[in-house]
Amino acid sequence: MKILYTIVVVLFVLLVIAFSLENTAAVQLSFFGLIEEITIPTYILIFFTFLAGVIFTGFMGIIERFRLTRTITRLNKTIRELRRELNAYQQPPVIEDTRSAELQKQS
């Protein structure tokens, strides 16, 4: 399995390198006058955009995980409280004393 993982990673890196070599044309960027015209290669622009998407998705995943952890904690607390309440209302099981039953049969 480790060999398969290594092969997939190597193929991905080779594809990224090939993509970078094929997309070296310059792109001029400007953003409402805040960023003056910057010239960068196309592959850098695409990689930065991809990286921004990965970071944004990661933050959304972290937020979702915290929300789910809080929900799980709240539900576990509710379960504990309901179990305590159920145990308080349950009557203990009746255990018949076999010796007293035998004594009654003998008399």
N, C-alpha and C. Protein backbone atom coordinates (compact mmCIF):
# COMPACT_ATOMS: atom_id res chain seq x y z
N MET A 1 0.82 -1.19 0.00
CA MET A 1 0.00 0.00 0.00
C MET A 1 0.87 1.25 0.00
N LYS A 2 1.98 1.18 0.74
CA LYS A 2 2.88 2.33 0.81
C LYS A 2 3.51 2.60 -0.56
N ILE A 3 3.79 1.55 -1.31
CA ILE A 3 4.37 1.72 -2.64
C ILE A 3 3.37 2.38 -3.57
N LEU A 4 2.12 1.98 -3.49
CA LEU A 4 1.07 2.59 -4.31
C LEU A 4 0.92 4.07 -3.98
N TYR A 5 0.95 4.40 -2.71
CA TYR A 5 0.86 5.79 -2.28
C TYR A 5 2.04 6.60 -2.85
N THR A 6 3.24 6.05 -2.77
CA THR A 6 4.43 6.73 -3.29
C THR A 6 4.31 6.95 -4.79
N ILE A 7 3.83 5.96 -5.51
CA ILE A 7 3.67 6.08 -6.96
C ILE A 7 2.66 7.18 -7.29
N VAL A 8 1.56 7.24 -6.58
CA VAL A 8 0.54 8.26 -6.83
C VAL A 8 1.10 9.65 -6.55
N VAL A 9 1.85 9.81 -5.47
CA VAL A 9 2.43 11.11 -5.13
C VAL A 9 3.43 11.53 -6.19
N VAL A 10 4.28 10.61 -6.64
CA VAL A 10 5.28 10.93 -7.67
C VAL A 10 4.58 11.33 -8.96
N LEU A 11 3.54 10.62 -9.36
CA LEU A 11 2.80 10.97 -10.57
C LEU A 11 2.15 12.35 -10.43
N PHE A 12 1.60 12.66 -9.27
CA PHE A 12 1.00 13.97 -9.05
C PHE A 12 2.05 15.07 -9.15
N VAL A 13 3.20 14.87 -8.55
CA VAL A 13 4.27 15.87 -8.61
C VAL A 13 4.72 16.07 -10.06
N LEU A 14 4.84 14.98 -10.82
CA LEU A 14 5.22 15.10 -12.23
C LEU A 14 4.17 15.87 -13.03
N LEU A 15 2.91 15.65 -12.74
CA LEU A 15 1.85 16.39 -13.43
C LEU A 15 1.91 17.88 -13.07
N VAL A 16 2.18 18.20 -11.83
CA VAL A 16 2.29 19.60 -11.42
C VAL A 16 3.47 20.26 -12.12
N ILE A 17 4.58 19.56 -12.21
CA ILE A 17 5.76 20.11 -12.89
C ILE A 17 5.46 20.32 -14.38
N ALA A 18 4.83 19.35 -15.02
CA ALA A 18 4.48 19.48 -16.43
C ALA A 18 3.51 20.65 -16.64
N PHE A 19 2.53 20.80 -15.75
CA PHE A 19 1.59 21.90 -15.85
C PHE A 19 2.32 23.24 -15.73
N SER A 20 3.26 23.32 -14.80
CA SER A 20 4.00 24.56 -14.59
C SER A 20 4.84 24.91 -15.82
N LEU A 21 5.45 23.93 -16.43
CA LEU A 21 6.29 24.19 -17.60
C LEU A 21 5.47 24.59 -18.82
N GLU A 22 4.23 24.12 -18.91
CA GLU A 22 3.38 24.44 -20.06
C GLU A 22 2.67 25.78 -19.92
N ASN A 23 2.52 26.29 -18.71
CA ASN A 23 1.75 27.52 -18.48
C ASN A 23 2.62 28.62 -17.89
N THR A 24 3.59 29.05 -18.67
CA THR A 24 4.52 30.09 -18.19
C THR A 24 4.17 31.47 -18.73
N ALA A 25 3.08 31.59 -19.48
CA ALA A 25 2.70 32.90 -20.02
C ALA A 25 2.41 33.86 -18.87
N ALA A 26 2.77 35.13 -19.07
CA ALA A 26 2.59 36.14 -18.03
C ALA A 26 1.15 36.65 -18.02
N VAL A 27 0.66 36.93 -16.82
CA VAL A 27 -0.69 37.47 -16.62
C VAL A 27 -0.54 38.75 -15.81
N GLN A 28 -1.25 39.81 -16.23
CA GLN A 28 -1.22 41.06 -15.48
C GLN A 28 -2.44 41.11 -14.56
N LEU A 29 -2.17 41.41 -13.30
CA LEU A 29 -3.23 41.48 -12.30
C LEU A 29 -3.39 42.91 -11.81
N SER A 30 -4.65 43.30 -11.61
CA SER A 30 -4.96 44.56 -10.94
C SER A 30 -6.27 44.36 -10.20
N PHE A 31 -6.41 45.05 -9.07
CA PHE A 31 -7.61 44.86 -8.25
C PHE A 31 -8.08 46.21 -7.72
N PHE A 32 -9.02 46.82 -8.39
CA PHE A 32 -9.65 48.08 -7.99
C PHE A 32 -8.64 49.13 -7.54
N GLY A 33 -7.50 49.15 -8.14
CA GLY A 33 -6.50 50.15 -7.79
C GLY A 33 -5.73 49.82 -6.52
N LEU A 34 -6.17 48.81 -5.76
CA LEU A 34 -5.44 48.44 -4.55
C LEU A 34 -4.14 47.74 -4.90
N ILE A 35 -4.23 46.93 -5.93
CA ILE A 35 -3.03 46.25 -6.41
C ILE A 35 -2.75 46.80 -7.79
N GLU A 36 -1.60 47.42 -7.92
CA GLU A 36 -1.23 47.92 -9.24
C GLU A 36 -0.92 46.72 -10.12
N GLU A 37 -0.77 46.95 -11.37
CA GLU A 37 -0.59 45.84 -12.30
C GLU A 37 0.67 45.04 -11.95
N ILE A 38 0.40 43.80 -11.57
CA ILE A 38 1.48 42.86 -11.24
C ILE A 38 1.49 41.82 -12.34
N THR A 39 2.67 41.47 -12.78
CA THR A 39 2.80 40.44 -13.80
C THR A 39 3.38 39.18 -13.16
N ILE A 40 2.61 38.09 -13.24
CA ILE A 40 3.07 36.80 -12.71
C ILE A 40 2.75 35.71 -13.72
N PRO A 41 3.46 34.60 -13.66
CA PRO A 41 3.15 33.48 -14.56
C PRO A 41 1.79 32.88 -14.24
N THR A 42 1.16 32.30 -15.25
CA THR A 42 -0.18 31.72 -15.10
C THR A 42 -0.20 30.62 -14.05
N TYR A 43 0.80 29.76 -14.05
CA TYR A 43 0.78 28.64 -13.11
C TYR A 43 0.85 29.11 -11.66
N ILE A 44 1.56 30.21 -11.40
CA ILE A 44 1.62 30.75 -10.04
C ILE A 44 0.23 31.24 -9.61
N LEU A 45 -0.46 31.93 -10.52
CA LEU A 45 -1.81 32.41 -10.23
C LEU A 45 -2.75 31.24 -9.92
N ILE A 46 -2.67 30.18 -10.71
CA ILE A 46 -3.53 29.02 -10.49
C ILE A 46 -3.17 28.32 -9.18
N PHE A 47 -1.88 28.18 -8.88
CA PHE A 47 -1.47 27.53 -7.63
C PHE A 47 -1.91 28.34 -6.41
N PHE A 48 -1.78 29.67 -6.47
CA PHE A 48 -2.23 30.50 -5.35
C PHE A 48 -3.74 30.40 -5.16
N THR A 49 -4.47 30.37 -6.26
CA THR A 49 -5.91 30.22 -6.18
C THR A 49 -6.28 28.87 -5.57
N PHE A 50 -5.61 27.82 -6.01
CA PHE A 50 -5.84 26.48 -5.45
C PHE A 50 -5.50 26.45 -3.96
N LEU A 51 -4.38 27.04 -3.59
CA LEU A 51 -3.96 27.08 -2.18
C LEU A 51 -4.98 27.84 -1.33
N ALA A 52 -5.50 28.95 -1.86
CA ALA A 52 -6.52 29.71 -1.12
C ALA A 52 -7.77 28.85 -0.92
N GLY A 53 -8.15 28.08 -1.93
CA GLY A 53 -9.31 27.19 -1.81
C GLY A 53 -9.08 26.10 -0.78
N VAL A 54 -7.88 25.54 -0.76
CA VAL A 54 -7.56 24.49 0.21
C VAL A 54 -7.60 25.05 1.63
N ILE A 55 -7.03 26.23 1.82
CA ILE A 55 -7.02 26.85 3.16
C ILE A 55 -8.44 27.17 3.60
N PHE A 56 -9.25 27.75 2.71
CA PHE A 56 -10.63 28.09 3.04
C PHE A 56 -11.42 26.83 3.40
N THR A 57 -11.26 25.78 2.60
CA THR A 57 -11.96 24.53 2.87
C THR A 57 -11.51 23.92 4.20
N GLY A 58 -10.22 24.01 4.48
CA GLY A 58 -9.70 23.51 5.76
C GLY A 58 -10.30 24.24 6.95
N PHE A 59 -10.40 25.57 6.86
CA PHE A 59 -11.02 26.34 7.94
C PHE A 59 -12.49 25.96 8.11
N MET A 60 -13.19 25.78 7.01
CA MET A 60 -14.59 25.38 7.10
C MET A 60 -14.71 24.00 7.75
N GLY A 61 -13.78 23.10 7.43
CA GLY A 61 -13.78 21.77 8.05
C GLY A 61 -13.51 21.84 9.54
N ILE A 62 -12.59 22.72 9.94
CA ILE A 62 -12.29 22.87 11.37
C ILE A 62 -13.50 23.42 12.11
N ILE A 63 -14.16 24.40 11.52
CA ILE A 63 -15.35 24.98 12.14
C ILE A 63 -16.44 23.92 12.28
N GLU A 64 -16.64 23.13 11.23
CA GLU A 64 -17.65 22.06 11.26
C GLU A 64 -17.31 21.02 12.33
N ARG A 65 -16.03 20.68 12.44
CA ARG A 65 -15.61 19.69 13.45
C ARG A 65 -15.88 20.20 14.86
N PHE A 66 -15.58 21.48 15.13
CA PHE A 66 -15.87 22.04 16.45
C PHE A 66 -17.37 22.03 16.73
N ARG A 67 -18.18 22.36 15.72
CA ARG A 67 -19.62 22.36 15.90
C ARG A 67 -20.14 20.96 16.20
N LEU A 68 -19.63 19.97 15.46
CA LEU A 68 -20.06 18.60 15.69
C LEU A 68 -19.60 18.07 17.05
N THR A 69 -18.40 18.44 17.46
CA THR A 69 -17.90 18.02 18.77
C THR A 69 -18.77 18.59 19.88
N ARG A 70 -19.16 19.85 19.74
CA ARG A 70 -20.04 20.47 20.73
C ARG A 70 -21.40 19.77 20.76
N THR A 71 -21.92 19.42 19.59
CA THR A 71 -23.20 18.72 19.53
C THR A 71 -23.10 17.35 20.17
N ILE A 72 -22.03 16.61 19.89
CA ILE A 72 -21.84 15.28 20.47
C ILE A 72 -21.74 15.38 22.00
N THR A 73 -21.01 16.36 22.49
CA THR A 73 -20.88 16.54 23.94
C THR A 73 -22.25 16.82 24.57
N ARG A 74 -23.03 17.69 23.94
CA ARG A 74 -24.35 18.01 24.46
C ARG A 74 -25.26 16.77 24.45
N LEU A 75 -25.21 15.98 23.38
CA LEU A 75 -26.06 14.79 23.29
C LEU A 75 -25.62 13.72 24.30
N ASN A 76 -24.32 13.57 24.51
CA ASN A 76 -23.84 12.61 25.52
C ASN A 76 -24.30 13.02 26.92
N LYS A 77 -24.30 14.32 27.18
CA LYS A 77 -24.78 14.80 28.48
C LYS A 77 -26.26 14.49 28.64
N THR A 78 -27.04 14.69 27.58
CA THR A 78 -28.47 14.37 27.63
C THR A 78 -28.69 12.88 27.86
N ILE A 79 -27.90 12.04 27.22
CA ILE A 79 -28.02 10.59 27.40
C ILE A 79 -27.73 10.21 28.86
N ARG A 80 -26.67 10.78 29.43
CA ARG A 80 -26.34 10.49 30.83
C ARG A 80 -27.48 10.90 31.77
N GLU A 81 -28.04 12.08 31.52
CA GLU A 81 -29.14 12.54 32.37
C GLU A 81 -30.36 11.63 32.23
N LEU A 82 -30.68 11.22 31.02
CA LEU A 82 -31.83 10.35 30.82
C LEU A 82 -31.61 8.97 31.43
N ARG A 83 -30.39 8.46 31.38
CA ARG A 83 -30.09 7.17 32.01
C ARG A 83 -30.23 7.27 33.53
N ARG A 84 -29.75 8.39 34.10
CA ARG A 84 -29.90 8.57 35.55
C ARG A 84 -31.37 8.63 35.92
N GLU A 85 -32.15 9.35 35.13
CA GLU A 85 -33.59 9.45 35.40
C GLU A 85 -34.27 8.09 35.26
N LEU A 86 -33.90 7.32 34.25
CA LEU A 86 -34.48 6.00 34.06
C LEU A 86 -34.11 5.07 35.22
N ASN A 87 -32.86 5.11 35.65
CA ASN A 87 -32.44 4.28 36.78
C ASN A 87 -33.14 4.68 38.07
N ALA A 88 -33.47 5.94 38.23
CA ALA A 88 -34.16 6.39 39.44
C ALA A 88 -35.59 5.86 39.49
N TYR A 89 -36.23 5.72 38.36
CA TYR A 89 -37.62 5.24 38.30
C TYR A 89 -37.74 3.73 38.22
N GLN A 90 -36.69 3.04 37.88
CA GLN A 90 -36.76 1.58 37.78
C GLN A 90 -36.75 0.98 39.18
N GLN A 91 -37.59 -0.04 39.35
CA GLN A 91 -37.59 -0.75 40.61
C GLN A 91 -36.57 -1.87 40.52
N PRO A 92 -35.91 -2.15 41.62
CA PRO A 92 -34.92 -3.23 41.57
C PRO A 92 -35.61 -4.56 41.27
N PRO A 93 -34.97 -5.44 40.58
CA PRO A 93 -35.59 -6.73 40.25
C PRO A 93 -35.84 -7.55 41.52
N VAL A 94 -36.93 -8.30 41.50
CA VAL A 94 -37.30 -9.15 42.64
C VAL A 94 -36.54 -10.46 42.48
N ILE A 95 -35.75 -10.78 43.50
CA ILE A 95 -35.01 -12.03 43.50
C ILE A 95 -35.64 -12.93 44.55
N GLU A 96 -36.09 -14.05 44.08
CA GLU A 96 -36.75 -14.99 44.99
C GLU A 96 -35.70 -15.80 45.72
N ASP A 97 -35.88 -15.91 46.99
CA ASP A 97 -34.97 -16.70 47.81
C ASP A 97 -35.34 -18.17 47.64
N THR A 98 -34.47 -18.94 47.04
CA THR A 98 -34.77 -20.35 46.76
C THR A 98 -34.83 -21.18 48.04
N ARG A 99 -34.08 -20.79 49.06
CA ARG A 99 -34.12 -21.56 50.30
C ARG A 99 -35.46 -21.42 51.02
N SER A 100 -36.02 -20.21 51.02
CA SER A 100 -37.31 -20.06 51.70
C SER A 100 -38.41 -20.78 50.92
N ALA A 101 -38.31 -20.84 49.60
CA ALA A 101 -39.29 -21.57 48.80
C ALA A 101 -39.19 -23.06 49.09
N GLU A 102 -37.99 -23.57 49.26
CA GLU A 102 -37.80 -24.99 49.55
C GLU A 102 -38.35 -25.31 50.96
N LEU A 103 -38.13 -24.41 51.91
CA LEU A 103 -38.61 -24.61 53.26
C LEU A 103 -40.13 -24.65 53.30
N GLN A 104 -40.76 -23.79 52.48
CA GLN A 104 -42.22 -23.76 52.45
C GLN A 104 -42.75 -25.05 51.83
N LYS A 105 -42.07 -25.59 50.85
CA LYS A 105 -42.52 -26.83 50.22
C LYS A 105 -42.39 -28.00 51.19
N GLN A 106 -41.38 -27.99 52.03
CA GLN A 106 -41.16 -29.08 52.96
C GLN A 106 -42.17 -29.05 54.11
N SER A 107 -42.69 -27.89 54.44
CA SER A 107 -43.63 -27.82 55.57
C SER A 107 -45.02 -28.26 55.23
